[in-house]
C-alpha atoms as a PDB file:
ATOM      1  CA  MET A   1       0.970   1.855  -8.735  1.00  0.00           C
ATOM      2  CA  ASP A   2       3.048   4.795  -7.146  1.00  0.00           C
ATOM      3  CA  GLU A   3       2.125   7.706 -10.332  1.00  0.00           C
ATOM      4  CA  ILE A   4      -1.659   6.155  -9.906  1.00  0.00           C
ATOM      5  CA  TRP A   5      -2.330   5.664  -6.770  1.00  0.00           C
ATOM      6  CA  ASN A   6      -2.462   7.188  -3.411  1.00  0.00           C
ATOM      7  CA  GLU A   7      -0.479   5.566  -0.381  1.00  0.00           C
ATOM      8  CA  ASP A   8      -3.271   5.518   1.516  1.00  0.00           C
ATOM      9  CA  GLY A   9      -5.373   4.326  -1.112  1.00  0.00           C
ATOM     10  CA  VAL A  10      -7.805   1.228  -0.700  1.00  0.00           C
ATOM     11  CA  PHE A  11      -9.242  -1.238  -3.042  1.00  0.00           C
ATOM     12  CA  TYR A  12     -12.327  -2.978  -2.262  1.00  0.00           C
ATOM     13  CA  ASP A  13     -12.555  -6.399  -4.050  1.00  0.00           C
ATOM     14  CA  PRO A  14     -16.551  -8.037  -3.686  1.00  0.00           C
ATOM     15  CA  HIS A  15     -14.836 -11.221  -3.154  1.00  0.00           C
ATOM     16  CA  SER A  16     -12.010 -10.154  -0.556  1.00  0.00           C
ATOM     17  CA  GLY A  17     -13.048  -6.923   1.115  1.00  0.00           C
ATOM     18  CA  ALA A  18     -10.722  -3.861   1.455  1.00  0.00           C
ATOM     19  CA  HIS A  19      -6.751  -3.593   0.103  1.00  0.00           C
ATOM     20  CA  GLN A  20      -5.414  -0.766   2.041  1.00  0.00           C
ATOM     21  CA  SER A  21      -2.143   0.831   0.766  1.00  0.00           C
ATOM     22  CA  ARG A  22      -0.411  -0.001  -2.506  1.00  0.00           C
ATOM     23  CA  ASP A  23       1.701  -2.636  -1.935  1.00  0.00           C
ATOM     24  CA  GLU A  24      -1.783  -4.539  -1.205  1.00  0.00           C
ATOM     25  CA  ILE A  25      -3.320  -3.725  -4.128  1.00  0.00           C
ATOM     26  CA  TYR A  26      -0.825  -4.191  -5.819  1.00  0.00           C
ATOM     27  CA  ARG A  27      -0.502  -8.073  -4.319  1.00  0.00           C
ATOM     28  CA  ILE A  28      -4.710  -8.679  -4.773  1.00  0.00           C
ATOM     29  CA  ALA A  29      -4.587  -7.530  -8.333  1.00  0.00           C
ATOM     30  CA  GLY A  30      -1.372 -10.242  -9.201  1.00  0.00           C
ATOM     31  CA  ILE A  31      -3.796 -12.878  -7.590  1.00  0.00           C
ATOM     32  CA  ILE A  32      -6.414 -11.720  -9.572  1.00  0.00           C
ATOM     33  CA  LYS A  33      -4.795 -11.494 -12.150  1.00  0.00           C
ATOM     34  CA  ALA A  34      -3.230 -14.520 -11.829  1.00  0.00           C
ATOM     35  CA  ASP A  35      -6.716 -16.720 -11.732  1.00  0.00           C
ATOM     36  CA  HIS A  36      -7.080 -16.115 -15.826  1.00  0.00           C
ATOM     37  CA  PRO A  37      -3.524 -14.165 -17.079  1.00  0.00           C
ATOM     38  CA  GLU A  38      -4.877 -14.345 -20.357  1.00  0.00           C
ATOM     39  CA  PHE A  39      -7.816 -11.919 -20.154  1.00  0.00           C
ATOM     40  CA  ARG A  40      -8.465  -8.403 -21.172  1.00  0.00           C
ATOM     41  CA  TYR A  41     -10.704  -6.389 -19.781  1.00  0.00           C
ATOM     42  CA  GLN A  42     -12.227  -3.284 -22.084  1.00  0.00           C
ATOM     43  CA  PRO A  43     -14.448  -0.045 -20.407  1.00  0.00           C
ATOM     44  CA  ILE A  44     -18.018  -0.773 -22.584  1.00  0.00           C
ATOM     45  CA  THR A  45     -19.099   2.679 -22.394  1.00  0.00           C
ATOM     46  CA  GLU A  46     -16.753   5.547 -22.186  1.00  0.00           C
ATOM     47  CA  PRO A  47     -16.407   6.445 -17.703  1.00  0.00           C
ATOM     48  CA  GLU A  48     -18.593   8.721 -16.686  1.00  0.00           C
ATOM     49  CA  VAL A  49     -17.048  11.072 -15.051  1.00  0.00           C
ATOM     50  CA  LEU A  50     -18.388  13.401 -11.610  1.00  0.00           C
ATOM     51  CA  GLY A  51     -16.403  15.532  -9.650  1.00  0.00           C
ATOM     52  CA  ASN A  52     -13.780  13.044  -8.505  1.00  0.00           C
ATOM     53  CA  SER A  53     -15.325  10.252  -8.594  1.00  0.00           C
ATOM     54  CA  ALA A  54     -16.201   8.482 -11.546  1.00  0.00           C
ATOM     55  CA  ARG A  55     -17.933   4.836 -12.833  1.00  0.00           C
ATOM     56  CA  VAL A  56     -16.548   2.668 -15.355  1.00  0.00           C
ATOM     57  CA  LYS A  57     -17.803   0.030 -17.162  1.00  0.00           C
ATOM     58  CA  TRP A  58     -16.384  -3.282 -18.449  1.00  0.00           C
ATOM     59  CA  VAL A  59     -17.029  -6.544 -19.973  1.00  0.00           C
ATOM     60  CA  SER A  60     -13.092  -9.321 -19.754  1.00  0.00           C
ATOM     61  CA  GLY A  61     -12.504 -12.290 -21.775  1.00  0.00           C
ATOM     62  CA  ARG A  62     -10.472 -14.070 -23.618  1.00  0.00           C
ATOM     63  CA  PRO A  63      -8.967 -11.661 -26.821  1.00  0.00           C
ATOM     64  CA  GLY A  64     -10.617 -13.070 -29.501  1.00  0.00           C
ATOM     65  CA  GLU A  65     -14.401 -15.000 -27.509  1.00  0.00           C
ATOM     66  CA  PRO A  66     -17.261 -13.581 -25.812  1.00  0.00           C
ATOM     67  CA  PRO A  67     -16.663 -11.992 -22.554  1.00  0.00           C
ATOM     68  CA  SER A  68     -16.592 -14.232 -19.404  1.00  0.00           C
ATOM     69  CA  TYR A  69     -17.958 -11.638 -17.302  1.00  0.00           C
ATOM     70  CA  ALA A  70     -18.741  -7.621 -16.640  1.00  0.00           C
ATOM     71  CA  GLY A  71     -18.249  -5.700 -14.346  1.00  0.00           C
ATOM     72  CA  THR A  72     -17.796  -1.594 -13.054  1.00  0.00           C
ATOM     73  CA  ASP A  73     -15.277   0.342 -10.946  1.00  0.00           C
ATOM     74  CA  PHE A  74     -16.384   3.197  -9.230  1.00  0.00           C
ATOM     75  CA  VAL A  75     -13.059   5.871  -8.300  1.00  0.00           C
ATOM     76  CA  ILE A  76     -12.788   7.982  -5.752  1.00  0.00           C
ATOM     77  CA  ALA A  77      -9.365  10.855  -7.099  1.00  0.00           C
ATOM     78  CA  LYS A  78      -7.619  12.707  -4.181  1.00  0.00           C
ATOM     79  CA  ASP A  79      -4.933  14.370  -5.260  1.00  0.00           C
ATOM     80  CA  GLY A  80      -5.339  13.383  -9.023  1.00  0.00           C
ATOM     81  CA  ARG A  81      -4.541   9.496  -8.035  1.00  0.00           C
ATOM     82  CA  LEU A  82      -6.442   7.044  -6.966  1.00  0.00           C
ATOM     83  CA  ALA A  83      -8.037   7.015  -3.756  1.00  0.00           C
ATOM     84  CA  ALA A  84     -10.145   4.513  -3.815  1.00  0.00           C
ATOM     85  CA  VAL A  85     -11.890   1.297  -5.864  1.00  0.00           C
ATOM     86  CA  TYR A  86     -14.605  -0.026  -5.199  1.00  0.00           C
ATOM     87  CA  TYR A  87     -15.355  -3.224  -7.247  1.00  0.00           C
ATOM     88  CA  PHE A  88     -18.217  -4.784  -8.578  1.00  0.00           C
ATOM     89  CA  ILE A  89     -19.081  -7.900 -10.847  1.00  0.00           C
ATOM     90  CA  ASP A  90     -22.361  -7.402 -13.061  1.00  0.00           C
ATOM     91  CA  GLU A  91     -25.304  -9.874 -15.796  1.00  0.00           C
ATOM     92  CA  LEU A  92     -22.863  -9.650 -18.678  1.00  0.00           C
ATOM     93  CA  PRO A  93     -25.129  -7.179 -20.440  1.00  0.00           C
END
């Protein structure tokens, strides 16, 4: 967490709202992962980078099975670390 997130970073979750600070982001990431610990996230396109931002489209599910859901992350960087991640759930492709 310390290597990739700014101390005041913010993670925006469509269900639970904004989570600010490394400790809070680590906490919410653990809650999300606990719902489906065997799922793996896989990018479905190359990240699109524009200035200090990027968009990553992905799917998630159990390895070897069709994806269970899809999403898009919008990422803002500051000083080489994550400043904000906007986590969207999409329709499966």
